[in-house]
């Protein structure tokens, strides 16, 4: 099998799992529109995915899949955090906020990075998608092709998050209108709560 085929399959599979409406993507898009350390946030998200995908490809995914109780505390922690974050977006939706690019208040880098790590690592979906799912799928390949598959998935993560990063900046002019900002906050709120509800259901069933 040509080495390009596992790479393409890894890229396509990784993209299919990563490119979805979720808590992490909503957060990245929001910070990109605000120009709030958005490229650093994209890098942190992509590096987290790269690390977790690597763990899965190296066999950790099979270990976690055989010990589902490891996911239960993370599932409940993620549920509570996402519910809280969604409530913050719910309150913001009722404010007359708009994006003023000339007076954009930029949060300090450290708390932004910590918040990014929290949203990323407290979401069990990221482990299911990267460590378990991609790790299991990589098992169908032998030798170096397994790692080429993982590299394809990692590449998809970098492409996607930086697409969100630069795409958010392109959308910035639209968010000078308070109505547009309310729509985004409402969408983020519903997304966070939907993911939190889904995690709660899974936590109960674990």
N, C-alpha and C. Protein backbone atom coordinates (compact mmCIF):
# COMPACT_ATOMS: atom_id res chain seq x y z
N UNK A 1 0.84 -1.20 0.00
CA UNK A 1 0.00 0.00 0.00
C UNK A 1 0.88 1.25 0.00
N UNK A 2 0.57 2.17 -0.88
CA UNK A 2 1.34 3.40 -0.95
C UNK A 2 1.20 4.18 0.35
N UNK A 3 2.31 4.80 0.78
CA UNK A 3 2.29 5.52 2.05
C UNK A 3 1.37 6.72 2.02
N UNK A 4 1.03 7.22 0.82
CA UNK A 4 0.16 8.39 0.74
C UNK A 4 -1.28 8.02 1.08
N UNK A 5 -1.65 6.76 0.87
CA UNK A 5 -3.03 6.34 1.13
C UNK A 5 -3.36 6.38 2.62
N UNK A 6 -2.52 5.82 3.51
CA UNK A 6 -2.80 5.95 4.95
C UNK A 6 -2.85 7.41 5.40
N UNK A 7 -2.00 8.25 4.81
CA UNK A 7 -1.99 9.67 5.18
C UNK A 7 -3.31 10.32 4.81
N UNK A 8 -3.78 10.08 3.59
CA UNK A 8 -5.05 10.66 3.12
C UNK A 8 -6.21 10.15 3.96
N UNK A 9 -6.19 8.86 4.27
CA UNK A 9 -7.25 8.28 5.08
C UNK A 9 -7.21 8.84 6.50
N UNK A 10 -6.01 9.03 7.04
CA UNK A 10 -5.88 9.62 8.36
C UNK A 10 -6.36 11.06 8.37
N UNK A 11 -6.01 11.81 7.33
CA UNK A 11 -6.44 13.20 7.21
C UNK A 11 -7.95 13.29 7.13
N UNK A 12 -8.55 12.45 6.27
CA UNK A 12 -9.99 12.49 6.10
C UNK A 12 -10.75 12.07 7.35
N UNK A 13 -10.26 11.02 8.01
CA UNK A 13 -10.91 10.56 9.24
C UNK A 13 -10.77 11.60 10.34
N UNK A 14 -9.56 12.15 10.48
CA UNK A 14 -9.34 13.17 11.50
C UNK A 14 -10.21 14.39 11.27
N UNK A 15 -10.31 14.81 10.01
CA UNK A 15 -11.14 15.97 9.68
C UNK A 15 -12.60 15.69 10.00
N UNK A 16 -13.06 14.49 9.69
CA UNK A 16 -14.45 14.14 9.95
C UNK A 16 -14.80 14.19 11.43
N UNK A 17 -13.84 13.83 12.28
CA UNK A 17 -14.07 13.83 13.72
C UNK A 17 -13.91 15.23 14.32
N UNK A 18 -12.98 16.01 13.78
CA UNK A 18 -12.65 17.31 14.36
C UNK A 18 -13.60 18.40 13.87
N UNK A 19 -13.95 18.37 12.57
CA UNK A 19 -14.79 19.42 11.99
C UNK A 19 -16.24 19.14 12.34
N UNK A 20 -16.63 19.59 13.49
CA UNK A 20 -18.00 19.43 13.96
C UNK A 20 -18.29 20.56 14.92
N UNK A 21 -19.58 20.90 15.05
CA UNK A 21 -19.96 21.95 15.98
C UNK A 21 -19.79 21.42 17.39
N UNK A 22 -18.89 22.01 18.14
CA UNK A 22 -18.63 21.54 19.49
C UNK A 22 -18.09 22.66 20.35
N UNK A 23 -17.88 22.35 21.62
CA UNK A 23 -17.44 23.36 22.58
C UNK A 23 -16.11 23.98 22.18
N UNK A 24 -15.15 23.15 21.80
CA UNK A 24 -13.82 23.65 21.47
C UNK A 24 -13.85 24.53 20.23
N UNK A 25 -14.53 24.09 19.19
CA UNK A 25 -14.58 24.87 17.96
C UNK A 25 -15.31 26.19 18.16
N UNK A 26 -16.39 26.16 18.96
CA UNK A 26 -17.12 27.40 19.24
C UNK A 26 -16.23 28.39 19.98
N UNK A 27 -15.45 27.89 20.93
CA UNK A 27 -14.54 28.75 21.69
C UNK A 27 -13.46 29.35 20.79
N UNK A 28 -12.86 28.52 19.94
CA UNK A 28 -11.81 29.00 19.04
C UNK A 28 -12.35 30.07 18.10
N UNK A 29 -13.54 29.84 17.54
CA UNK A 29 -14.13 30.81 16.62
C UNK A 29 -14.41 32.13 17.33
N UNK A 30 -14.95 32.05 18.54
CA UNK A 30 -15.26 33.27 19.30
C UNK A 30 -14.00 34.07 19.58
N UNK A 31 -12.95 33.41 20.03
CA UNK A 31 -11.70 34.12 20.33
C UNK A 31 -11.03 34.64 19.06
N UNK A 32 -11.21 33.95 17.96
CA UNK A 32 -10.65 34.42 16.68
C UNK A 32 -11.33 35.71 16.24
N UNK A 33 -12.64 35.77 16.41
CA UNK A 33 -13.38 36.98 16.05
C UNK A 33 -12.94 38.15 16.92
N UNK A 34 -12.67 37.86 18.19
CA UNK A 34 -12.23 38.91 19.12
C UNK A 34 -10.76 39.27 18.93
N UNK A 35 -10.04 38.47 18.11
CA UNK A 35 -8.59 38.63 17.95
C UNK A 35 -7.88 38.52 19.30
N UNK A 36 -8.34 37.59 20.10
CA UNK A 36 -7.86 37.42 21.47
C UNK A 36 -6.87 36.26 21.53
N UNK A 37 -5.62 36.51 21.15
CA UNK A 37 -4.58 35.48 21.14
C UNK A 37 -5.03 34.26 20.33
N UNK A 38 -5.76 34.51 19.23
CA UNK A 38 -6.39 33.43 18.49
C UNK A 38 -5.39 32.44 17.89
N UNK A 39 -4.27 32.93 17.39
CA UNK A 39 -3.30 32.00 16.80
C UNK A 39 -2.63 31.14 17.85
N UNK A 40 -2.41 31.68 19.04
CA UNK A 40 -1.86 30.88 20.13
C UNK A 40 -2.87 29.82 20.56
N UNK A 41 -4.15 30.19 20.59
CA UNK A 41 -5.20 29.24 20.94
C UNK A 41 -5.26 28.11 19.91
N UNK A 42 -5.16 28.46 18.63
CA UNK A 42 -5.16 27.45 17.57
C UNK A 42 -3.99 26.49 17.75
N UNK A 43 -2.84 27.03 18.09
CA UNK A 43 -1.66 26.19 18.28
C UNK A 43 -1.85 25.23 19.46
N UNK A 44 -2.39 25.74 20.57
CA UNK A 44 -2.61 24.89 21.75
C UNK A 44 -3.58 23.76 21.42
N UNK A 45 -4.67 24.08 20.74
CA UNK A 45 -5.66 23.06 20.38
C UNK A 45 -5.06 22.00 19.46
N UNK A 46 -4.30 22.44 18.47
CA UNK A 46 -3.71 21.50 17.52
C UNK A 46 -2.65 20.63 18.19
N UNK A 47 -1.86 21.23 19.09
CA UNK A 47 -0.84 20.45 19.80
C UNK A 47 -1.47 19.42 20.74
N UNK A 48 -2.58 19.80 21.38
CA UNK A 48 -3.29 18.84 22.24
C UNK A 48 -3.78 17.66 21.41
N UNK A 49 -4.37 17.96 20.26
CA UNK A 49 -4.82 16.89 19.37
C UNK A 49 -3.65 16.01 18.93
N UNK A 50 -2.55 16.65 18.57
CA UNK A 50 -1.38 15.89 18.11
C UNK A 50 -0.89 14.94 19.20
N UNK A 51 -0.85 15.43 20.45
CA UNK A 51 -0.39 14.60 21.56
C UNK A 51 -1.34 13.43 21.80
N UNK A 52 -2.65 13.70 21.80
CA UNK A 52 -3.63 12.67 22.08
C UNK A 52 -3.72 11.65 20.94
N UNK A 53 -3.63 12.12 19.71
CA UNK A 53 -3.63 11.21 18.57
C UNK A 53 -2.41 10.29 18.63
N UNK A 54 -1.28 10.87 19.01
CA UNK A 54 -0.06 10.07 19.13
C UNK A 54 -0.21 8.99 20.20
N UNK A 55 -0.85 9.35 21.33
CA UNK A 55 -1.11 8.35 22.37
C UNK A 55 -1.97 7.22 21.83
N UNK A 56 -3.00 7.59 21.07
CA UNK A 56 -3.88 6.58 20.51
C UNK A 56 -3.17 5.66 19.53
N UNK A 57 -2.37 6.26 18.66
CA UNK A 57 -1.65 5.47 17.67
C UNK A 57 -0.65 4.53 18.35
N UNK A 58 -0.10 4.97 19.48
CA UNK A 58 0.87 4.15 20.20
C UNK A 58 0.22 3.08 21.09
N UNK A 59 -1.13 3.04 21.09
CA UNK A 59 -1.81 1.95 21.78
C UNK A 59 -2.60 2.31 23.01
N UNK A 60 -2.57 3.59 23.44
CA UNK A 60 -3.30 3.97 24.64
C UNK A 60 -4.81 3.89 24.44
N UNK A 61 -5.26 4.10 23.21
CA UNK A 61 -6.69 4.05 22.93
C UNK A 61 -7.31 2.72 23.32
N UNK A 62 -6.62 1.64 23.04
CA UNK A 62 -7.13 0.32 23.39
C UNK A 62 -7.22 0.14 24.91
N UNK A 63 -6.25 0.72 25.64
CA UNK A 63 -6.25 0.63 27.10
C UNK A 63 -7.46 1.36 27.68
N UNK A 64 -7.73 2.59 27.19
CA UNK A 64 -8.85 3.37 27.70
C UNK A 64 -10.18 2.71 27.35
N UNK A 65 -10.26 2.19 26.13
CA UNK A 65 -11.49 1.54 25.70
C UNK A 65 -11.82 0.34 26.58
N UNK A 66 -10.81 -0.33 27.11
CA UNK A 66 -11.04 -1.50 27.96
C UNK A 66 -11.27 -1.12 29.42
N UNK A 67 -11.12 0.19 29.76
CA UNK A 67 -11.35 0.68 31.12
C UNK A 67 -12.24 1.92 31.08
N UNK A 68 -13.53 1.75 30.75
CA UNK A 68 -14.42 2.91 30.59
C UNK A 68 -14.59 3.74 31.85
N UNK A 69 -14.33 3.15 33.04
CA UNK A 69 -14.49 3.92 34.27
C UNK A 69 -13.52 5.09 34.35
N UNK A 70 -12.45 5.05 33.57
CA UNK A 70 -11.51 6.17 33.54
C UNK A 70 -12.16 7.41 32.96
N UNK A 71 -13.21 7.24 32.15
CA UNK A 71 -13.85 8.38 31.49
C UNK A 71 -14.94 9.02 32.35
N UNK A 72 -15.43 8.30 33.37
CA UNK A 72 -16.58 8.82 34.14
C UNK A 72 -16.29 10.13 34.87
N UNK A 73 -15.18 10.25 35.65
CA UNK A 73 -14.91 11.53 36.31
C UNK A 73 -14.73 12.67 35.31
N UNK A 74 -14.06 12.40 34.20
CA UNK A 74 -13.85 13.44 33.18
C UNK A 74 -15.17 13.85 32.56
N UNK A 75 -16.07 12.87 32.38
CA UNK A 75 -17.37 13.17 31.78
C UNK A 75 -18.18 14.13 32.65
N UNK A 76 -18.23 13.87 33.96
CA UNK A 76 -18.98 14.75 34.85
C UNK A 76 -18.31 16.11 35.00
N UNK A 77 -16.97 16.12 35.06
CA UNK A 77 -16.26 17.40 35.13
C UNK A 77 -16.50 18.23 33.89
N UNK A 78 -16.46 17.60 32.73
CA UNK A 78 -16.72 18.30 31.48
C UNK A 78 -18.15 18.81 31.41
N UNK A 79 -19.09 18.02 31.91
CA UNK A 79 -20.50 18.43 31.90
C UNK A 79 -20.70 19.71 32.70
N UNK A 80 -20.15 19.75 33.91
CA UNK A 80 -20.32 20.92 34.77
C UNK A 80 -19.64 22.15 34.18
N UNK A 81 -18.43 21.96 33.65
CA UNK A 81 -17.71 23.10 33.10
C UNK A 81 -18.43 23.68 31.88
N UNK A 82 -18.87 22.82 30.97
CA UNK A 82 -19.54 23.29 29.76
C UNK A 82 -20.88 23.95 30.08
N UNK A 83 -21.57 23.44 31.09
CA UNK A 83 -22.83 24.06 31.49
C UNK A 83 -22.57 25.47 32.02
N UNK A 84 -21.51 25.61 32.81
CA UNK A 84 -21.15 26.93 33.34
C UNK A 84 -20.73 27.88 32.22
N UNK A 85 -19.93 27.40 31.29
CA UNK A 85 -19.47 28.25 30.19
C UNK A 85 -20.66 28.65 29.32
N UNK A 86 -21.58 27.72 29.09
CA UNK A 86 -22.77 28.04 28.30
C UNK A 86 -23.62 29.10 28.96
N UNK A 87 -23.70 29.06 30.29
CA UNK A 87 -24.47 30.07 31.01
C UNK A 87 -23.85 31.46 30.83
N UNK A 88 -22.52 31.51 30.79
CA UNK A 88 -21.85 32.79 30.54
C UNK A 88 -22.20 33.35 29.18
N UNK A 89 -22.27 32.50 28.16
CA UNK A 89 -22.66 32.94 26.82
C UNK A 89 -24.12 33.34 26.79
N UNK A 90 -24.95 32.65 27.58
CA UNK A 90 -26.38 32.98 27.67
C UNK A 90 -26.56 34.40 28.20
N UNK A 91 -25.82 34.75 29.23
CA UNK A 91 -25.90 36.11 29.79
C UNK A 91 -25.38 37.14 28.79
N UNK A 92 -24.30 36.80 28.08
CA UNK A 92 -23.73 37.73 27.12
C UNK A 92 -24.69 38.02 25.97
N UNK A 93 -25.54 37.05 25.65
CA UNK A 93 -26.47 37.22 24.53
C UNK A 93 -27.48 38.34 24.78
N UNK A 94 -27.67 38.72 26.05
CA UNK A 94 -28.64 39.76 26.38
C UNK A 94 -27.98 41.13 26.56
N UNK A 95 -26.68 41.19 26.33
CA UNK A 95 -25.98 42.46 26.41
C UNK A 95 -25.87 43.08 25.03
N UNK A 96 -25.73 44.38 24.98
CA UNK A 96 -25.57 45.09 23.70
C UNK A 96 -24.10 45.17 23.34
N UNK A 97 -23.48 44.00 23.25
CA UNK A 97 -22.06 43.95 22.97
C UNK A 97 -21.82 43.98 21.47
N UNK A 98 -20.73 44.60 21.07
CA UNK A 98 -20.31 44.57 19.68
C UNK A 98 -18.80 44.58 19.65
N UNK A 99 -18.25 44.17 18.54
CA UNK A 99 -16.81 44.10 18.41
C UNK A 99 -16.27 45.43 17.91
N UNK A 100 -15.39 46.04 18.72
CA UNK A 100 -14.74 47.28 18.31
C UNK A 100 -13.27 46.97 18.12
N UNK A 101 -12.90 46.74 16.87
CA UNK A 101 -11.53 46.29 16.59
C UNK A 101 -10.49 47.33 17.00
N UNK A 102 -10.89 48.57 17.00
CA UNK A 102 -9.92 49.61 17.36
C UNK A 102 -9.66 49.63 18.86
N UNK A 103 -10.60 49.10 19.66
CA UNK A 103 -10.48 49.14 21.11
C UNK A 103 -10.61 47.75 21.70
N UNK A 104 -10.12 46.78 20.98
CA UNK A 104 -10.24 45.40 21.45
C UNK A 104 -9.42 45.19 22.72
N UNK A 105 -10.09 44.73 23.79
CA UNK A 105 -9.40 44.43 25.03
C UNK A 105 -8.88 43.00 24.97
N UNK A 106 -7.59 42.84 25.02
CA UNK A 106 -6.99 41.52 24.89
C UNK A 106 -6.66 40.98 26.27
N UNK A 107 -7.18 39.81 26.56
CA UNK A 107 -6.91 39.15 27.84
C UNK A 107 -5.45 38.71 27.87
N UNK A 108 -4.88 38.62 29.07
CA UNK A 108 -3.51 38.14 29.20
C UNK A 108 -3.40 36.73 28.63
N UNK A 109 -2.25 36.42 28.09
CA UNK A 109 -2.06 35.16 27.38
C UNK A 109 -2.24 33.95 28.30
N UNK A 110 -1.66 34.00 29.50
CA UNK A 110 -1.69 32.83 30.38
C UNK A 110 -3.10 32.35 30.72
N UNK A 111 -4.01 33.24 31.18
CA UNK A 111 -5.36 32.75 31.48
C UNK A 111 -6.10 32.26 30.24
N UNK A 112 -5.81 32.85 29.08
CA UNK A 112 -6.44 32.39 27.85
C UNK A 112 -5.99 30.97 27.51
N UNK A 113 -4.70 30.71 27.67
CA UNK A 113 -4.16 29.38 27.40
C UNK A 113 -4.73 28.37 28.38
N UNK A 114 -4.83 28.75 29.66
CA UNK A 114 -5.39 27.84 30.67
C UNK A 114 -6.85 27.51 30.37
N UNK A 115 -7.61 28.52 29.93
CA UNK A 115 -9.01 28.29 29.58
C UNK A 115 -9.10 27.37 28.37
N UNK A 116 -8.22 27.56 27.40
CA UNK A 116 -8.20 26.71 26.21
C UNK A 116 -7.92 25.26 26.60
N UNK A 117 -6.94 25.05 27.47
CA UNK A 117 -6.61 23.70 27.92
C UNK A 117 -7.77 23.07 28.69
N UNK A 118 -8.46 23.89 29.49
CA UNK A 118 -9.59 23.38 30.26
C UNK A 118 -10.71 22.91 29.34
N UNK A 119 -11.08 23.74 28.37
CA UNK A 119 -12.14 23.39 27.44
C UNK A 119 -11.76 22.15 26.63
N UNK A 120 -10.50 22.06 26.28
CA UNK A 120 -10.03 20.94 25.45
C UNK A 120 -9.95 19.64 26.25
N UNK A 121 -9.30 19.69 27.40
CA UNK A 121 -8.98 18.46 28.13
C UNK A 121 -10.07 17.98 29.07
N UNK A 122 -11.07 18.84 29.38
CA UNK A 122 -12.18 18.40 30.22
C UNK A 122 -13.32 17.82 29.40
N UNK A 123 -13.15 17.77 28.10
CA UNK A 123 -14.18 17.23 27.22
C UNK A 123 -13.83 15.79 26.84
N UNK A 124 -14.53 14.80 27.39
CA UNK A 124 -14.22 13.40 27.07
C UNK A 124 -14.32 13.08 25.58
N UNK A 125 -15.10 13.88 24.83
CA UNK A 125 -15.22 13.63 23.40
C UNK A 125 -13.86 13.68 22.71
N UNK A 126 -12.99 14.56 23.21
CA UNK A 126 -11.68 14.68 22.56
C UNK A 126 -10.88 13.40 22.73
N UNK A 127 -11.05 12.74 23.87
CA UNK A 127 -10.34 11.47 24.09
C UNK A 127 -10.96 10.35 23.26
N UNK A 128 -12.28 10.35 23.18
CA UNK A 128 -12.96 9.32 22.39
C UNK A 128 -12.59 9.44 20.91
N UNK A 129 -12.53 10.70 20.43
CA UNK A 129 -12.25 10.91 19.01
C UNK A 129 -10.78 10.67 18.67
N UNK A 130 -9.89 11.20 19.49
CA UNK A 130 -8.46 11.15 19.16
C UNK A 130 -7.79 9.88 19.67
N UNK A 131 -7.87 9.64 20.98
CA UNK A 131 -7.16 8.51 21.55
C UNK A 131 -7.82 7.18 21.19
N UNK A 132 -9.13 7.07 21.44
CA UNK A 132 -9.82 5.80 21.25
C UNK A 132 -10.12 5.53 19.79
N UNK A 133 -10.87 6.43 19.13
CA UNK A 133 -11.32 6.18 17.77
C UNK A 133 -10.15 6.13 16.78
N UNK A 134 -9.35 7.21 16.73
CA UNK A 134 -8.24 7.24 15.78
C UNK A 134 -7.18 6.21 16.15
N UNK A 135 -7.00 5.99 17.46
CA UNK A 135 -6.04 4.97 17.88
C UNK A 135 -6.45 3.59 17.43
N UNK A 136 -7.76 3.30 17.53
CA UNK A 136 -8.26 2.00 17.09
C UNK A 136 -8.16 1.85 15.57
N UNK A 137 -8.53 2.90 14.86
CA UNK A 137 -8.49 2.84 13.39
C UNK A 137 -7.07 2.67 12.87
N UNK A 138 -6.11 3.25 13.58
CA UNK A 138 -4.73 3.14 13.13
C UNK A 138 -4.22 1.70 13.23
N UNK A 139 -4.92 0.89 14.05
CA UNK A 139 -4.49 -0.49 14.23
C UNK A 139 -4.65 -1.35 13.00
N UNK A 140 -5.41 -0.86 12.00
CA UNK A 140 -5.57 -1.64 10.78
C UNK A 140 -4.35 -1.57 9.88
N UNK A 141 -3.42 -0.67 10.21
CA UNK A 141 -2.21 -0.51 9.40
C UNK A 141 -1.04 -1.17 10.11
N UNK A 142 -0.06 -1.54 9.35
CA UNK A 142 1.11 -2.20 9.91
C UNK A 142 2.36 -1.33 9.75
N UNK A 143 3.28 -1.48 10.68
CA UNK A 143 4.56 -0.78 10.58
C UNK A 143 4.41 0.73 10.53
N UNK A 144 5.17 1.35 9.64
CA UNK A 144 5.20 2.80 9.54
C UNK A 144 3.89 3.37 9.05
N UNK A 145 3.09 2.57 8.34
CA UNK A 145 1.83 3.09 7.81
C UNK A 145 0.89 3.51 8.93
N UNK A 146 1.02 2.87 10.09
CA UNK A 146 0.19 3.25 11.24
C UNK A 146 0.51 4.68 11.67
N UNK A 147 1.79 5.01 11.67
CA UNK A 147 2.20 6.36 12.08
C UNK A 147 1.90 7.39 11.00
N UNK A 148 1.94 6.97 9.75
CA UNK A 148 1.57 7.86 8.65
C UNK A 148 0.09 8.22 8.76
N UNK A 149 -0.75 7.23 9.12
CA UNK A 149 -2.17 7.48 9.34
C UNK A 149 -2.35 8.53 10.44
N UNK A 150 -1.62 8.35 11.55
CA UNK A 150 -1.69 9.31 12.64
C UNK A 150 -1.23 10.69 12.22
N UNK A 151 -0.18 10.76 11.39
CA UNK A 151 0.31 12.04 10.91
C UNK A 151 -0.74 12.75 10.06
N UNK A 152 -1.48 11.98 9.28
CA UNK A 152 -2.56 12.56 8.48
C UNK A 152 -3.63 13.18 9.36
N UNK A 153 -4.00 12.47 10.43
CA UNK A 153 -5.01 12.99 11.36
C UNK A 153 -4.51 14.25 12.07
N UNK A 154 -3.24 14.25 12.46
CA UNK A 154 -2.66 15.43 13.11
C UNK A 154 -2.65 16.62 12.15
N UNK A 155 -2.33 16.37 10.90
CA UNK A 155 -2.32 17.44 9.89
C UNK A 155 -3.71 18.06 9.75
N UNK A 156 -4.75 17.22 9.77
CA UNK A 156 -6.13 17.71 9.65
C UNK A 156 -6.47 18.65 10.80
N UNK A 157 -5.97 18.33 12.00
CA UNK A 157 -6.23 19.17 13.16
C UNK A 157 -5.60 20.55 12.99
N UNK A 158 -4.33 20.58 12.57
CA UNK A 158 -3.65 21.87 12.36
C UNK A 158 -4.35 22.70 11.29
N UNK A 159 -4.72 22.06 10.19
CA UNK A 159 -5.40 22.78 9.10
C UNK A 159 -6.73 23.36 9.58
N UNK A 160 -7.49 22.56 10.31
CA UNK A 160 -8.81 23.00 10.75
C UNK A 160 -8.73 24.16 11.74
N UNK A 161 -7.90 24.04 12.76
CA UNK A 161 -7.88 25.09 13.78
C UNK A 161 -7.34 26.41 13.24
N UNK A 162 -6.37 26.35 12.35
CA UNK A 162 -5.88 27.60 11.78
C UNK A 162 -6.84 28.17 10.75
N UNK A 163 -7.67 27.31 10.15
CA UNK A 163 -8.75 27.81 9.29
C UNK A 163 -9.75 28.59 10.14
N UNK A 164 -10.09 28.05 11.31
CA UNK A 164 -10.96 28.78 12.23
C UNK A 164 -10.32 30.09 12.68
N UNK A 165 -9.01 30.03 12.95
CA UNK A 165 -8.31 31.22 13.43
C UNK A 165 -8.34 32.36 12.43
N UNK A 166 -7.98 32.07 11.21
CA UNK A 166 -7.96 33.11 10.18
C UNK A 166 -9.37 33.43 9.68
N UNK A 167 -10.25 32.43 9.69
CA UNK A 167 -11.63 32.68 9.26
C UNK A 167 -12.36 33.59 10.21
N UNK A 168 -12.07 33.45 11.51
CA UNK A 168 -12.70 34.31 12.49
C UNK A 168 -12.33 35.77 12.28
N UNK A 169 -11.09 36.03 11.93
CA UNK A 169 -10.65 37.40 11.67
C UNK A 169 -11.38 37.99 10.47
N UNK A 170 -11.63 37.14 9.45
CA UNK A 170 -12.34 37.62 8.27
C UNK A 170 -13.78 37.98 8.60
N UNK A 171 -14.35 37.32 9.61
CA UNK A 171 -15.74 37.58 10.00
C UNK A 171 -15.87 38.77 10.95
N UNK A 172 -14.75 39.29 11.44
CA UNK A 172 -14.77 40.35 12.44
C UNK A 172 -15.66 41.54 12.07
N UNK A 173 -15.65 42.03 10.81
CA UNK A 173 -16.50 43.19 10.48
C UNK A 173 -17.98 42.94 10.74
N UNK A 174 -18.44 41.71 10.58
CA UNK A 174 -19.85 41.41 10.82
C UNK A 174 -20.22 41.59 12.28
N UNK A 175 -19.25 41.38 13.16
CA UNK A 175 -19.53 41.40 14.58
C UNK A 175 -19.39 42.79 15.20
N UNK A 176 -19.34 43.80 14.35
CA UNK A 176 -19.44 45.17 14.84
C UNK A 176 -20.91 45.53 15.12
N UNK A 177 -21.81 44.61 14.70
CA UNK A 177 -23.24 44.80 14.94
C UNK A 177 -23.65 43.97 16.16
N UNK A 178 -24.31 44.57 17.14
CA UNK A 178 -24.71 43.83 18.36
C UNK A 178 -25.56 42.60 18.04
N UNK A 179 -26.43 42.68 17.03
CA UNK A 179 -27.30 41.55 16.70
C UNK A 179 -26.49 40.32 16.32
N UNK A 180 -25.45 40.52 15.50
CA UNK A 180 -24.62 39.40 15.07
C UNK A 180 -23.94 38.75 16.26
N UNK A 181 -23.49 39.59 17.20
CA UNK A 181 -22.84 39.07 18.40
C UNK A 181 -23.81 38.27 19.25
N UNK A 182 -25.06 38.73 19.33
CA UNK A 182 -26.06 37.99 20.10
C UNK A 182 -26.32 36.62 19.47
N UNK A 183 -26.33 36.58 18.13
CA UNK A 183 -26.54 35.31 17.44
C UNK A 183 -25.41 34.34 17.77
N UNK A 184 -24.16 34.82 17.74
CA UNK A 184 -23.03 33.95 18.05
C UNK A 184 -23.08 33.48 19.49
N UNK A 185 -23.33 34.39 20.44
CA UNK A 185 -23.41 34.01 21.85
C UNK A 185 -24.51 32.97 22.07
N UNK A 186 -25.64 33.16 21.41
CA UNK A 186 -26.74 32.20 21.54
C UNK A 186 -26.34 30.84 20.98
N UNK A 187 -25.65 30.85 19.83
CA UNK A 187 -25.21 29.60 19.22
C UNK A 187 -24.20 28.88 20.11
N UNK A 188 -23.27 29.66 20.68
CA UNK A 188 -22.27 29.08 21.59
C UNK A 188 -22.95 28.49 22.82
N UNK A 189 -23.91 29.24 23.38
CA UNK A 189 -24.64 28.77 24.55
C UNK A 189 -25.34 27.44 24.27
N UNK A 190 -26.07 27.37 23.17
CA UNK A 190 -26.80 26.15 22.82
C UNK A 190 -25.84 24.99 22.55
N UNK A 191 -24.72 25.31 21.91
CA UNK A 191 -23.72 24.27 21.63
C UNK A 191 -23.15 23.70 22.91
N UNK A 192 -22.75 24.59 23.84
CA UNK A 192 -22.18 24.15 25.11
C UNK A 192 -23.17 23.30 25.89
N UNK A 193 -24.42 23.75 25.95
CA UNK A 193 -25.42 23.01 26.71
C UNK A 193 -25.76 21.68 26.05
N UNK A 194 -25.77 21.66 24.73
CA UNK A 194 -26.05 20.40 24.02
C UNK A 194 -24.95 19.38 24.29
N UNK A 195 -23.69 19.84 24.22
CA UNK A 195 -22.56 18.95 24.49
C UNK A 195 -22.59 18.49 25.96
N UNK A 196 -22.90 19.42 26.87
CA UNK A 196 -22.97 19.09 28.30
C UNK A 196 -24.05 18.03 28.55
N UNK A 197 -25.21 18.19 27.91
CA UNK A 197 -26.30 17.23 28.06
C UNK A 197 -25.88 15.86 27.54
N UNK A 198 -25.22 15.85 26.39
CA UNK A 198 -24.76 14.59 25.81
C UNK A 198 -23.74 13.91 26.71
N UNK A 199 -22.84 14.70 27.28
CA UNK A 199 -21.82 14.14 28.19
C UNK A 199 -22.47 13.58 29.45
N UNK A 200 -23.49 14.28 29.95
CA UNK A 200 -24.18 13.81 31.16
C UNK A 200 -24.85 12.46 30.89
N UNK A 201 -25.46 12.34 29.72
CA UNK A 201 -26.12 11.07 29.37
C UNK A 201 -25.09 9.93 29.29
N UNK A 202 -23.93 10.23 28.72
CA UNK A 202 -22.89 9.22 28.60
C UNK A 202 -22.30 8.88 29.97
N UNK A 203 -22.16 9.91 30.82
CA UNK A 203 -21.60 9.68 32.15
C UNK A 203 -22.51 8.75 32.96
N UNK A 204 -23.81 8.92 32.77
CA UNK A 204 -24.77 8.08 33.50
C UNK A 204 -24.67 6.63 33.01
N UNK A 205 -24.43 6.48 31.70
CA UNK A 205 -24.44 5.13 31.13
C UNK A 205 -23.11 4.40 31.30
N UNK A 206 -22.04 5.15 31.70
CA UNK A 206 -20.73 4.50 31.86
C UNK A 206 -20.74 3.56 33.07
